């Protein structure tokens, strides 16, 4: 992934879409997001429903854009971690200093495309 995509992912809120057990979409805004080792890392501070959805169906979609309305639609497979290196990583992110950091959502990127 190039610097343009990284900047959009890390410097702007993103919309994260998951699917619930009824097959319905659920969309939330996420802001504590990083790109590391070509994976998207999202900190779980308060995401009970989103985590339940990922455990049911790990397919996700993210959309991010900047103030110029330049953005990306990203699809991937999410995995949730509550211990180990990914938790240590999200706890080390300065923006998470006073947050609970209950887990880390690690997304393997399957597809991305520019959306404008």
PDB file of N, CA and C in Angstrom:
ATOM      1  N   UNK A   1       0.846  -1.179   0.000  1.00  0.00           N
ATOM      2  CA  UNK A   1       0.000   0.000   0.000  1.00  0.00           C
ATOM      3  C   UNK A   1       0.892   1.242   0.000  1.00  0.00           C
ATOM      4  N   UNK A   2       0.460   2.246  -0.714  1.00  0.00           N
ATOM      5  CA  UNK A   2       1.281   3.442  -0.842  1.00  0.00           C
ATOM      6  C   UNK A   2       1.008   4.457   0.277  1.00  0.00           C
ATOM      7  N   UNK A   3       1.793   5.521   0.283  1.00  0.00           N
ATOM      8  CA  UNK A   3       1.682   6.550   1.329  1.00  0.00           C
ATOM      9  C   UNK A   3       0.335   7.261   1.302  1.00  0.00           C
ATOM     10  N   UNK A   4      -0.246   7.430   0.121  1.00  0.00           N
ATOM     11  CA  UNK A   4      -1.557   8.082   0.012  1.00  0.00           C
ATOM     12  C   UNK A   4      -2.617   7.292   0.775  1.00  0.00           C
ATOM     13  N   UNK A   5      -2.635   5.986   0.582  1.00  0.00           N
ATOM     14  CA  UNK A   5      -3.608   5.142   1.272  1.00  0.00           C
ATOM     15  C   UNK A   5      -3.332   5.153   2.772  1.00  0.00           C
ATOM     16  N   UNK A   6      -2.075   5.025   3.151  1.00  0.00           N
ATOM     17  CA  UNK A   6      -1.715   5.030   4.569  1.00  0.00           C
ATOM     18  C   UNK A   6      -2.176   6.321   5.239  1.00  0.00           C
ATOM     19  N   UNK A   7      -1.964   7.435   4.562  1.00  0.00           N
ATOM     20  CA  UNK A   7      -2.352   8.728   5.127  1.00  0.00           C
ATOM     21  C   UNK A   7      -3.872   8.801   5.325  1.00  0.00           C
ATOM     22  N   UNK A   8      -4.633   8.352   4.353  1.00  0.00           N
ATOM     23  CA  UNK A   8      -6.094   8.355   4.489  1.00  0.00           C
ATOM     24  C   UNK A   8      -6.521   7.443   5.631  1.00  0.00           C
ATOM     25  N   UNK A   9      -5.937   6.255   5.726  1.00  0.00           N
ATOM     26  CA  UNK A   9      -6.297   5.305   6.777  1.00  0.00           C
ATOM     27  C   UNK A   9      -5.955   5.851   8.161  1.00  0.00           C
ATOM     28  N   UNK A  10      -4.779   6.409   8.313  1.00  0.00           N
ATOM     29  CA  UNK A  10      -4.308   6.788   9.653  1.00  0.00           C
ATOM     30  C   UNK A  10      -4.708   8.196  10.089  1.00  0.00           C
ATOM     31  N   UNK A  11      -5.075   9.061   9.154  1.00  0.00           N
ATOM     32  CA  UNK A  11      -5.332  10.451   9.520  1.00  0.00           C
ATOM     33  C   UNK A  11      -6.791  10.878   9.432  1.00  0.00           C
ATOM     34  N   UNK A  12      -7.681   9.948   9.102  1.00  0.00           N
ATOM     35  CA  UNK A  12      -9.092  10.282   8.950  1.00  0.00           C
ATOM     36  C   UNK A  12      -9.965   9.204   9.586  1.00  0.00           C
ATOM     37  N   UNK A  13     -11.148   9.590  10.079  1.00  0.00           N
ATOM     38  CA  UNK A  13     -12.074   8.554  10.540  1.00  0.00           C
ATOM     39  C   UNK A  13     -12.476   7.672   9.352  1.00  0.00           C
ATOM     40  N   UNK A  14     -12.740   6.421   9.620  1.00  0.00           N
ATOM     41  CA  UNK A  14     -13.154   5.475   8.589  1.00  0.00           C
ATOM     42  C   UNK A  14     -14.511   4.894   8.951  1.00  0.00           C
ATOM     43  N   UNK A  15     -15.245   4.453   7.953  1.00  0.00           N
ATOM     44  CA  UNK A  15     -16.474   3.695   8.173  1.00  0.00           C
ATOM     45  C   UNK A  15     -16.110   2.221   8.074  1.00  0.00           C
ATOM     46  N   UNK A  16     -16.465   1.448   9.101  1.00  0.00           N
ATOM     47  CA  UNK A  16     -16.195   0.007   9.154  1.00  0.00           C
ATOM     48  C   UNK A  16     -17.528  -0.731   9.096  1.00  0.00           C
ATOM     49  N   UNK A  17     -17.693  -1.563   8.082  1.00  0.00           N
ATOM     50  CA  UNK A  17     -18.931  -2.324   7.910  1.00  0.00           C
ATOM     51  C   UNK A  17     -18.692  -3.798   8.194  1.00  0.00           C
ATOM     52  N   UNK A  18     -19.589  -4.366   9.005  1.00  0.00           N
ATOM     53  CA  UNK A  18     -19.598  -5.797   9.301  1.00  0.00           C
ATOM     54  C   UNK A  18     -21.010  -6.319   9.019  1.00  0.00           C
ATOM     55  N   UNK A  19     -21.174  -7.626   9.121  1.00  0.00           N
ATOM     56  CA  UNK A  19     -22.473  -8.263   8.893  1.00  0.00           C
ATOM     57  C   UNK A  19     -22.875  -9.011  10.163  1.00  0.00           C
ATOM     58  N   UNK A  20     -24.128  -8.820  10.607  1.00  0.00           N
ATOM     59  CA  UNK A  20     -24.585  -9.519  11.808  1.00  0.00           C
ATOM     60  C   UNK A  20     -25.177 -10.892  11.468  1.00  0.00           C
ATOM     61  N   UNK A  21     -25.628 -11.609  12.488  1.00  0.00           N
ATOM     62  CA  UNK A  21     -26.144 -12.974  12.302  1.00  0.00           C
ATOM     63  C   UNK A  21     -27.413 -13.032  11.466  1.00  0.00           C
ATOM     64  N   UNK A  22     -28.108 -11.914  11.336  1.00  0.00           N
ATOM     65  CA  UNK A  22     -29.310 -11.857  10.506  1.00  0.00           C
ATOM     66  C   UNK A  22     -28.976 -11.525   9.054  1.00  0.00           C
ATOM     67  N   UNK A  23     -27.680 -11.323   8.769  1.00  0.00           N
ATOM     68  CA  UNK A  23     -27.253 -10.965   7.428  1.00  0.00           C
ATOM     69  C   UNK A  23     -27.387  -9.483   7.133  1.00  0.00           C
ATOM     70  N   UNK A  24     -27.597  -8.689   8.172  1.00  0.00           N
ATOM     71  CA  UNK A  24     -27.772  -7.252   8.014  1.00  0.00           C
ATOM     72  C   UNK A  24     -26.435  -6.529   8.199  1.00  0.00           C
ATOM     73  N   UNK A  25     -26.221  -5.452   7.458  1.00  0.00           N
ATOM     74  CA  UNK A  25     -24.986  -4.695   7.635  1.00  0.00           C
ATOM     75  C   UNK A  25     -25.021  -3.866   8.917  1.00  0.00           C
ATOM     76  N   UNK A  26     -23.873  -3.664   9.488  1.00  0.00           N
ATOM     77  CA  UNK A  26     -23.701  -2.801  10.657  1.00  0.00           C
ATOM     78  C   UNK A  26     -22.487  -1.937  10.371  1.00  0.00           C
ATOM     79  N   UNK A  27     -22.637  -0.634  10.493  1.00  0.00           N
ATOM     80  CA  UNK A  27     -21.550   0.280  10.158  1.00  0.00           C
ATOM     81  C   UNK A  27     -21.258   1.189  11.344  1.00  0.00           C
ATOM     82  N   UNK A  28     -19.968   1.313  11.657  1.00  0.00           N
ATOM     83  CA  UNK A  28     -19.534   2.224  12.709  1.00  0.00           C
ATOM     84  C   UNK A  28     -18.389   3.085  12.186  1.00  0.00           C
ATOM     85  N   UNK A  29     -18.127   4.166  12.878  1.00  0.00           N
ATOM     86  CA  UNK A  29     -16.959   5.002  12.574  1.00  0.00           C
ATOM     87  C   UNK A  29     -15.815   4.555  13.473  1.00  0.00           C
ATOM     88  N   UNK A  30     -14.618   4.468  12.922  1.00  0.00           N
ATOM     89  CA  UNK A  30     -13.426   4.128  13.697  1.00  0.00           C
ATOM     90  C   UNK A  30     -12.351   5.173  13.434  1.00  0.00           C
ATOM     91  N   UNK A  31     -11.583   5.472  14.477  1.00  0.00           N
ATOM     92  CA  UNK A  31     -10.566   6.513  14.328  1.00  0.00           C
ATOM     93  C   UNK A  31      -9.180   6.057  14.756  1.00  0.00           C
ATOM     94  N   UNK A  32      -9.073   5.084  15.647  1.00  0.00           N
ATOM     95  CA  UNK A  32      -7.771   4.614  16.090  1.00  0.00           C
ATOM     96  C   UNK A  32      -7.344   3.473  15.171  1.00  0.00           C
ATOM     97  N   UNK A  33      -6.840   3.847  13.996  1.00  0.00           N
ATOM     98  CA  UNK A  33      -6.536   2.880  12.940  1.00  0.00           C
ATOM     99  C   UNK A  33      -5.102   3.106  12.463  1.00  0.00           C
ATOM    100  N   UNK A  34      -4.380   2.019  12.283  1.00  0.00           N
ATOM    101  CA  UNK A  34      -3.002   2.082  11.799  1.00  0.00           C
ATOM    102  C   UNK A  34      -2.799   1.056  10.695  1.00  0.00           C
ATOM    103  N   UNK A  35      -1.794   1.306   9.878  1.00  0.00           N
ATOM    104  CA  UNK A  35      -1.366   0.355   8.860  1.00  0.00           C
ATOM    105  C   UNK A  35      -0.006  -0.167   9.282  1.00  0.00           C
ATOM    106  N   UNK A  36       0.095  -1.481   9.483  1.00  0.00           N
ATOM    107  CA  UNK A  36       1.355  -2.095   9.930  1.00  0.00           C
ATOM    108  C   UNK A  36       1.495  -3.453   9.256  1.00  0.00           C
ATOM    109  N   UNK A  37       2.669  -3.715   8.720  1.00  0.00           N
ATOM    110  CA  UNK A  37       2.950  -4.993   8.056  1.00  0.00           C
ATOM    111  C   UNK A  37       1.907  -5.313   6.985  1.00  0.00           C
ATOM    112  N   UNK A  38       1.469  -4.270   6.263  1.00  0.00           N
ATOM    113  CA  UNK A  38       0.467  -4.396   5.205  1.00  0.00           C
ATOM    114  C   UNK A  38      -0.873  -4.924   5.713  1.00  0.00           C
ATOM    115  N   UNK A  39      -1.153  -4.695   6.984  1.00  0.00           N
ATOM    116  CA  UNK A  39      -2.436  -5.044   7.586  1.00  0.00           C
ATOM    117  C   UNK A  39      -3.011  -3.788   8.234  1.00  0.00           C
ATOM    118  N   UNK A  40      -4.317  -3.718   8.306  1.00  0.00           N
ATOM    119  CA  UNK A  40      -4.978  -2.612   8.987  1.00  0.00           C
ATOM    120  C   UNK A  40      -5.251  -3.053  10.413  1.00  0.00           C
ATOM    121  N   UNK A  41      -4.865  -2.214  11.363  1.00  0.00           N
ATOM    122  CA  UNK A  41      -5.031  -2.531  12.784  1.00  0.00           C
ATOM    123  C   UNK A  41      -5.988  -1.507  13.378  1.00  0.00           C
ATOM    124  N   UNK A  42      -7.075  -2.005  13.982  1.00  0.00           N
ATOM    125  CA  UNK A  42      -8.070  -1.148  14.620  1.00  0.00           C
ATOM    126  C   UNK A  42      -8.147  -1.530  16.089  1.00  0.00           C
ATOM    127  N   UNK A  43      -8.093  -0.537  16.955  1.00  0.00           N
ATOM    128  CA  UNK A  43      -8.183  -0.785  18.384  1.00  0.00           C
ATOM    129  C   UNK A  43      -9.643  -0.946  18.792  1.00  0.00           C
ATOM    130  N   UNK A  44      -9.924  -2.002  19.547  1.00  0.00           N
ATOM    131  CA  UNK A  44     -11.254  -2.190  20.141  1.00  0.00           C
ATOM    132  C   UNK A  44     -11.253  -1.541  21.511  1.00  0.00           C
ATOM    133  N   UNK A  45     -11.900  -0.406  21.603  1.00  0.00           N
ATOM    134  CA  UNK A  45     -12.104   0.220  22.896  1.00  0.00           C
ATOM    135  C   UNK A  45     -13.536   0.016  23.376  1.00  0.00           C
ATOM    136  N   UNK A  46     -14.496   0.096  22.464  1.00  0.00           N
ATOM    137  CA  UNK A  46     -15.918   0.007  22.831  1.00  0.00           C
ATOM    138  C   UNK A  46     -16.729  -0.619  21.699  1.00  0.00           C
ATOM    139  N   UNK A  47     -16.386  -1.815  21.251  1.00  0.00           N
ATOM    140  CA  UNK A  47     -16.982  -2.385  20.039  1.00  0.00           C
ATOM    141  C   UNK A  47     -17.686  -3.726  20.245  1.00  0.00           C
ATOM    142  N   UNK A  48     -18.517  -3.872  21.190  1.00  0.00           N
ATOM    143  CA  UNK A  48     -19.144  -5.161  21.480  1.00  0.00           C
ATOM    144  C   UNK A  48     -19.846  -5.762  20.252  1.00  0.00           C
ATOM    145  N   UNK A  49     -20.728  -5.009  19.618  1.00  0.00           N
ATOM    146  CA  UNK A  49     -21.490  -5.522  18.473  1.00  0.00           C
ATOM    147  C   UNK A  49     -20.577  -5.836  17.293  1.00  0.00           C
ATOM    148  N   UNK A  50     -19.638  -4.958  17.008  1.00  0.00           N
ATOM    149  CA  UNK A  50     -18.716  -5.181  15.889  1.00  0.00           C
ATOM    150  C   UNK A  50     -17.904  -6.454  16.088  1.00  0.00           C
ATOM    151  N   UNK A  51     -17.447  -6.688  17.311  1.00  0.00           N
ATOM    152  CA  UNK A  51     -16.664  -7.903  17.585  1.00  0.00           C
ATOM    153  C   UNK A  51     -17.531  -9.146  17.424  1.00  0.00           C
ATOM    154  N   UNK A  52     -18.762  -9.103  17.909  1.00  0.00           N
ATOM    155  CA  UNK A  52     -19.688 -10.231  17.714  1.00  0.00           C
ATOM    156  C   UNK A  52     -19.872 -10.508  16.226  1.00  0.00           C
ATOM    157  N   UNK A  53     -20.022  -9.451  15.433  1.00  0.00           N
ATOM    158  CA  UNK A  53     -20.199  -9.622  13.990  1.00  0.00           C
ATOM    159  C   UNK A  53     -18.964 -10.230  13.333  1.00  0.00           C
ATOM    160  N   UNK A  54     -17.783  -9.768  13.711  1.00  0.00           N
ATOM    161  CA  UNK A  54     -16.541 -10.309  13.142  1.00  0.00           C
ATOM    162  C   UNK A  54     -16.376 -11.781  13.507  1.00  0.00           C
ATOM    163  N   UNK A  55     -16.745 -12.145  14.723  1.00  0.00           N
ATOM    164  CA  UNK A  55     -16.657 -13.554  15.120  1.00  0.00           C
ATOM    165  C   UNK A  55     -17.632 -14.409  14.319  1.00  0.00           C
ATOM    166  N   UNK A  56     -18.764 -13.845  13.934  1.00  0.00           N
ATOM    167  CA  UNK A  56     -19.742 -14.560  13.112  1.00  0.00           C
ATOM    168  C   UNK A  56     -19.306 -14.618  11.649  1.00  0.00           C
ATOM    169  N   UNK A  57     -18.852 -13.462  11.140  1.00  0.00           N
ATOM    170  CA  UNK A  57     -18.468 -13.350   9.734  1.00  0.00           C
ATOM    171  C   UNK A  57     -17.282 -12.385   9.639  1.00  0.00           C
ATOM    172  N   UNK A  58     -16.085 -12.864   9.355  1.00  0.00           N
ATOM    173  CA  UNK A  58     -14.900 -12.002   9.377  1.00  0.00           C
ATOM    174  C   UNK A  58     -14.732 -11.081   8.166  1.00  0.00           C
ATOM    175  N   UNK A  59     -15.618 -11.158   7.185  1.00  0.00           N
ATOM    176  CA  UNK A  59     -15.526 -10.277   6.018  1.00  0.00           C
ATOM    177  C   UNK A  59     -15.942  -8.868   6.406  1.00  0.00           C
ATOM    178  N   UNK A  60     -15.094  -7.902   6.080  1.00  0.00           N
ATOM    179  CA  UNK A  60     -15.385  -6.514   6.437  1.00  0.00           C
ATOM    180  C   UNK A  60     -15.169  -5.614   5.217  1.00  0.00           C
ATOM    181  N   UNK A  61     -15.670  -4.404   5.352  1.00  0.00           N
ATOM    182  CA  UNK A  61     -15.412  -3.370   4.365  1.00  0.00           C
ATOM    183  C   UNK A  61     -15.135  -2.082   5.117  1.00  0.00           C
ATOM    184  N   UNK A  62     -14.162  -1.341   4.640  1.00  0.00           N
ATOM    185  CA  UNK A  62     -13.814  -0.036   5.197  1.00  0.00           C
ATOM    186  C   UNK A  62     -13.880   0.997   4.084  1.00  0.00           C
ATOM    187  N   UNK A  63     -14.305   2.193   4.441  1.00  0.00           N
ATOM    188  CA  UNK A  63     -14.249   3.310   3.508  1.00  0.00           C
ATOM    189  C   UNK A  63     -13.627   4.472   4.254  1.00  0.00           C
ATOM    190  N   UNK A  64     -12.625   5.085   3.640  1.00  0.00           N
ATOM    191  CA  UNK A  64     -11.972   6.250   4.224  1.00  0.00           C
ATOM    192  C   UNK A  64     -11.778   7.307   3.163  1.00  0.00           C
ATOM    193  N   UNK A  65     -11.806   8.575   3.568  1.00  0.00           N
ATOM    194  CA  UNK A  65     -11.641   9.668   2.634  1.00  0.00           C
ATOM    195  C   UNK A  65     -11.096  10.878   3.369  1.00  0.00           C
ATOM    196  N   UNK A  66     -10.514  11.780   2.609  1.00  0.00           N
ATOM    197  CA  UNK A  66      -9.983  13.007   3.196  1.00  0.00           C
ATOM    198  C   UNK A  66     -10.924  14.169   2.894  1.00  0.00           C
ATOM    199  N   UNK A  67     -10.518  15.376   3.264  1.00  0.00           N
ATOM    200  CA  UNK A  67     -11.386  16.553   3.079  1.00  0.00           C
ATOM    201  C   UNK A  67     -11.578  16.928   1.608  1.00  0.00           C
ATOM    202  N   UNK A  68     -10.719  16.411   0.746  1.00  0.00           N
ATOM    203  CA  UNK A  68     -10.877  16.645  -0.695  1.00  0.00           C
ATOM    204  C   UNK A  68     -11.789  15.587  -1.326  1.00  0.00           C
ATOM    205  N   UNK A  69     -12.351  14.729  -0.493  1.00  0.00           N
ATOM    206  CA  UNK A  69     -13.214  13.625  -0.922  1.00  0.00           C
ATOM    207  C   UNK A  69     -12.470  12.594  -1.764  1.00  0.00           C
ATOM    208  N   UNK A  70     -11.166  12.473  -1.541  1.00  0.00           N
ATOM    209  CA  UNK A  70     -10.365  11.416  -2.152  1.00  0.00           C
ATOM    210  C   UNK A  70     -10.322  10.281  -1.145  1.00  0.00           C
ATOM    211  N   UNK A  71     -10.611   9.079  -1.588  1.00  0.00           N
ATOM    212  CA  UNK A  71     -10.644   7.998  -0.621  1.00  0.00           C
ATOM    213  C   UNK A  71     -10.487   6.631  -1.228  1.00  0.00           C
ATOM    214  N   UNK A  72     -10.665   5.644  -0.352  1.00  0.00           N
ATOM    215  CA  UNK A  72     -10.510   4.249  -0.741  1.00  0.00           C
ATOM    216  C   UNK A  72     -11.587   3.390  -0.115  1.00  0.00           C
ATOM    217  N   UNK A  73     -11.997   2.387  -0.865  1.00  0.00           N
ATOM    218  CA  UNK A  73     -12.874   1.334  -0.374  1.00  0.00           C
ATOM    219  C   UNK A  73     -11.992   0.100  -0.225  1.00  0.00           C
ATOM    220  N   UNK A  74     -11.978  -0.464   0.965  1.00  0.00           N
ATOM    221  CA  UNK A  74     -11.086  -1.591   1.270  1.00  0.00           C
ATOM    222  C   UNK A  74     -11.923  -2.760   1.754  1.00  0.00           C
ATOM    223  N   UNK A  75     -11.638  -3.930   1.249  1.00  0.00           N
ATOM    224  CA  UNK A  75     -12.284  -5.159   1.717  1.00  0.00           C
ATOM    225  C   UNK A  75     -11.221  -6.082   2.278  1.00  0.00           C
ATOM    226  N   UNK A  76     -11.602  -6.822   3.308  1.00  0.00           N
ATOM    227  CA  UNK A  76     -10.634  -7.720   3.906  1.00  0.00           C
ATOM    228  C   UNK A  76     -11.255  -8.723   4.841  1.00  0.00           C
ATOM    229  N   UNK A  77     -10.378  -9.484   5.474  1.00  0.00           N
ATOM    230  CA  UNK A  77     -10.758 -10.511   6.446  1.00  0.00           C
ATOM    231  C   UNK A  77     -10.206 -10.068   7.796  1.00  0.00           C
ATOM    232  N   UNK A  78     -11.099  -9.983   8.780  1.00  0.00           N
ATOM    233  CA  UNK A  78     -10.708  -9.500  10.105  1.00  0.00           C
ATOM    234  C   UNK A  78     -10.491 -10.656  11.066  1.00  0.00           C
ATOM    235  N   UNK A  79      -9.524 -10.474  11.938  1.00  0.00           N
ATOM    236  CA  UNK A  79      -9.268 -11.414  13.028  1.00  0.00           C
ATOM    237  C   UNK A  79      -9.143 -10.588  14.300  1.00  0.00           C
ATOM    238  N   UNK A  80      -9.688 -11.116  15.401  1.00  0.00           N
ATOM    239  CA  UNK A  80      -9.728 -10.370  16.651  1.00  0.00           C
ATOM    240  C   UNK A  80      -8.766 -10.983  17.664  1.00  0.00           C
ATOM    241  N   UNK A  81      -7.959 -10.123  18.296  1.00  0.00           N
ATOM    242  CA  UNK A  81      -6.972 -10.574  19.274  1.00  0.00           C
ATOM    243  C   UNK A  81      -7.209  -9.890  20.616  1.00  0.00           C
ATOM    244  N   UNK A  82      -7.126 -10.672  21.697  1.00  0.00           N
ATOM    245  CA  UNK A  82      -7.244 -10.095  23.041  1.00  0.00           C
ATOM    246  C   UNK A  82      -5.954 -10.244  23.843  1.00  0.00           C
ATOM    247  N   UNK A  83      -4.949 -10.876  23.244  1.00  0.00           N
ATOM    248  CA  UNK A  83      -3.631 -10.966  23.884  1.00  0.00           C
ATOM    249  C   UNK A  83      -2.568 -11.133  22.799  1.00  0.00           C
ATOM    250  N   UNK A  84      -1.329 -10.948  23.217  1.00  0.00           N
ATOM    251  CA  UNK A  84      -0.223 -11.134  22.288  1.00  0.00           C
ATOM    252  C   UNK A  84       0.308  -9.842  21.706  1.00  0.00           C
ATOM    253  N   UNK A  85       1.061  -9.984  20.634  1.00  0.00           N
ATOM    254  CA  UNK A  85       1.778  -8.856  20.040  1.00  0.00           C
ATOM    255  C   UNK A  85       0.856  -7.760  19.525  1.00  0.00           C
ATOM    256  N   UNK A  86      -0.298  -8.122  18.973  1.00  0.00           N
ATOM    257  CA  UNK A  86      -1.191  -7.089  18.444  1.00  0.00           C
ATOM    258  C   UNK A  86      -1.794  -6.241  19.565  1.00  0.00           C
ATOM    259  N   UNK A  87      -2.103  -6.840  20.700  1.00  0.00           N
ATOM    260  CA  UNK A  87      -2.594  -6.062  21.853  1.00  0.00           C
ATOM    261  C   UNK A  87      -1.482  -5.138  22.348  1.00  0.00           C
ATOM    262  N   UNK A  88      -0.282  -5.671  22.459  1.00  0.00           N
ATOM    263  CA  UNK A  88       0.842  -4.829  22.879  1.00  0.00           C
ATOM    264  C   UNK A  88       0.999  -3.649  21.924  1.00  0.00           C
ATOM    265  N   UNK A  89       0.822  -3.903  20.637  1.00  0.00           N
ATOM    266  CA  UNK A  89       0.961  -2.837  19.651  1.00  0.00           C
ATOM    267  C   UNK A  89      -0.099  -1.749  19.849  1.00  0.00           C
ATOM    268  N   UNK A  90      -1.388  -2.128  19.958  1.00  0.00           N
ATOM    269  CA  UNK A  90      -2.422  -1.095  20.089  1.00  0.00           C
ATOM    270  C   UNK A  90      -2.284  -0.326  21.402  1.00  0.00           C
ATOM    271  N   UNK A  91      -1.810  -0.994  22.443  1.00  0.00           N
ATOM    272  CA  UNK A  91      -1.596  -0.295  23.715  1.00  0.00           C
ATOM    273  C   UNK A  91      -0.451   0.710  23.615  1.00  0.00           C
ATOM    274  N   UNK A  92       0.452   0.512  22.660  1.00  0.00           N
ATOM    275  CA  UNK A  92       1.586   1.432  22.501  1.00  0.00           C
ATOM    276  C   UNK A  92       1.253   2.665  21.665  1.00  0.00           C
ATOM    277  N   UNK A  93       0.094   2.689  21.039  1.00  0.00           N
ATOM    278  CA  UNK A  93      -0.303   3.820  20.198  1.00  0.00           C
ATOM    279  C   UNK A  93      -0.648   5.004  21.104  1.00  0.00           C
ATOM    280  N   UNK A  94      -0.017   6.154  20.903  1.00  0.00           N
ATOM    281  CA  UNK A  94      -0.250   7.309  21.790  1.00  0.00           C
ATOM    282  C   UNK A  94      -1.721   7.691  21.944  1.00  0.00           C
ATOM    283  N   UNK A  95      -2.501   7.605  20.879  1.00  0.00           N
ATOM    284  CA  UNK A  95      -3.925   7.969  20.952  1.00  0.00           C
ATOM    285  C   UNK A  95      -4.713   7.052  21.890  1.00  0.00           C
ATOM    286  N   UNK A  96      -4.173   5.897  22.198  1.00  0.00           N
ATOM    287  CA  UNK A  96      -4.865   4.936  23.067  1.00  0.00           C
ATOM    288  C   UNK A  96      -4.451   5.054  24.528  1.00  0.00           C
ATOM    289  N   UNK A  97      -3.673   6.063  24.858  1.00  0.00           N
ATOM    290  CA  UNK A  97      -3.099   6.182  26.203  1.00  0.00           C
ATOM    291  C   UNK A  97      -4.118   5.992  27.325  1.00  0.00           C
ATOM    292  N   UNK A  98      -5.261   6.643  27.272  1.00  0.00           N
ATOM    293  CA  UNK A  98      -6.259   6.561  28.332  1.00  0.00           C
ATOM    294  C   UNK A  98      -7.460   5.701  27.958  1.00  0.00           C
ATOM    295  N   UNK A  99      -7.300   4.857  26.968  1.00  0.00           N
ATOM    296  CA  UNK A  99      -8.390   3.990  26.506  1.00  0.00           C
ATOM    297  C   UNK A  99      -8.209   2.568  27.037  1.00  0.00           C
ATOM    298  N   UNK A 100      -9.306   1.783  27.060  1.00  0.00           N
ATOM    299  CA  UNK A 100      -9.203   0.430  27.627  1.00  0.00           C
ATOM    300  C   UNK A 100      -8.439  -0.589  26.770  1.00  0.00           C
ATOM    301  N   UNK A 101      -8.358  -0.372  25.462  1.00  0.00           N
ATOM    302  CA  UNK A 101      -7.645  -1.304  24.556  1.00  0.00           C
ATOM    303  C   UNK A 101      -8.023  -2.756  24.859  1.00  0.00           C
ATOM    304  N   UNK A 102      -9.298  -3.066  24.715  1.00  0.00           N
ATOM    305  CA  UNK A 102      -9.800  -4.416  25.008  1.00  0.00           C
ATOM    306  C   UNK A 102      -9.354  -5.451  23.988  1.00  0.00           C
ATOM    307  N   UNK A 103      -9.053  -5.001  22.772  1.00  0.00           N
ATOM    308  CA  UNK A 103      -8.657  -5.944  21.745  1.00  0.00           C
ATOM    309  C   UNK A 103      -8.105  -5.230  20.530  1.00  0.00           C
ATOM    310  N   UNK A 104      -7.633  -6.033  19.599  1.00  0.00           N
ATOM    311  CA  UNK A 104      -7.109  -5.510  18.338  1.00  0.00           C
ATOM    312  C   UNK A 104      -7.778  -6.263  17.192  1.00  0.00           C
ATOM    313  N   UNK A 105      -8.329  -5.510  16.269  1.00  0.00           N
ATOM    314  CA  UNK A 105      -8.870  -6.079  15.040  1.00  0.00           C
ATOM    315  C   UNK A 105      -7.769  -5.954  13.995  1.00  0.00           C
ATOM    316  N   UNK A 106      -7.353  -7.082  13.453  1.00  0.00           N
ATOM    317  CA  UNK A 106      -6.288  -7.113  12.450  1.00  0.00           C
ATOM    318  C   UNK A 106      -6.906  -7.558  11.132  1.00  0.00           C
ATOM    319  N   UNK A 107      -6.792  -6.705  10.133  1.00  0.00           N
ATOM    320  CA  UNK A 107      -7.457  -6.954   8.855  1.00  0.00           C
ATOM    321  C   UNK A 107      -6.438  -7.270   7.773  1.00  0.00           C
ATOM    322  N   UNK A 108      -6.593  -8.436   7.192  1.00  0.00           N
ATOM    323  CA  UNK A 108      -5.806  -8.813   6.013  1.00  0.00           C
ATOM    324  C   UNK A 108      -6.517  -8.215   4.808  1.00  0.00           C
ATOM    325  N   UNK A 109      -5.851  -7.339   4.109  1.00  0.00           N
ATOM    326  CA  UNK A 109      -6.451  -6.630   2.984  1.00  0.00           C
ATOM    327  C   UNK A 109      -6.541  -7.569   1.788  1.00  0.00           C
ATOM    328  N   UNK A 110      -7.752  -7.708   1.250  1.00  0.00           N
ATOM    329  CA  UNK A 110      -7.968  -8.557   0.085  1.00  0.00           C
ATOM    330  C   UNK A 110      -8.110  -7.739  -1.198  1.00  0.00           C
ATOM    331  N   UNK A 111      -8.679  -6.531  -1.057  1.00  0.00           N
ATOM    332  CA  UNK A 111      -8.915  -5.700  -2.226  1.00  0.00           C
ATOM    333  C   UNK A 111      -9.052  -4.249  -1.784  1.00  0.00           C
ATOM    334  N   UNK A 112      -8.564  -3.340  -2.593  1.00  0.00           N
ATOM    335  CA  UNK A 112      -8.816  -1.929  -2.347  1.00  0.00           C
ATOM    336  C   UNK A 112      -8.903  -1.210  -3.688  1.00  0.00           C
ATOM    337  N   UNK A 113      -9.722  -0.170  -3.675  1.00  0.00           N
ATOM    338  CA  UNK A 113      -9.844   0.636  -4.890  1.00  0.00           C
ATOM    339  C   UNK A 113     -10.123   2.077  -4.516  1.00  0.00           C
ATOM    340  N   UNK A 114      -9.639   2.950  -5.352  1.00  0.00           N
ATOM    341  CA  UNK A 114      -9.829   4.375  -5.130  1.00  0.00           C
ATOM    342  C   UNK A 114     -11.297   4.703  -5.384  1.00  0.00           C
ATOM    343  N   UNK A 115     -11.843   5.564  -4.538  1.00  0.00           N
ATOM    344  CA  UNK A 115     -13.238   5.970  -4.736  1.00  0.00           C
ATOM    345  C   UNK A 115     -13.308   7.489  -4.751  1.00  0.00           C
ATOM    346  N   UNK A 116     -13.657   8.024  -5.901  1.00  0.00           N
ATOM    347  CA  UNK A 116     -13.850   9.467  -6.036  1.00  0.00           C
ATOM    348  C   UNK A 116     -14.809   9.733  -7.149  1.00  0.00           C
TER     349      UNK A 116
END
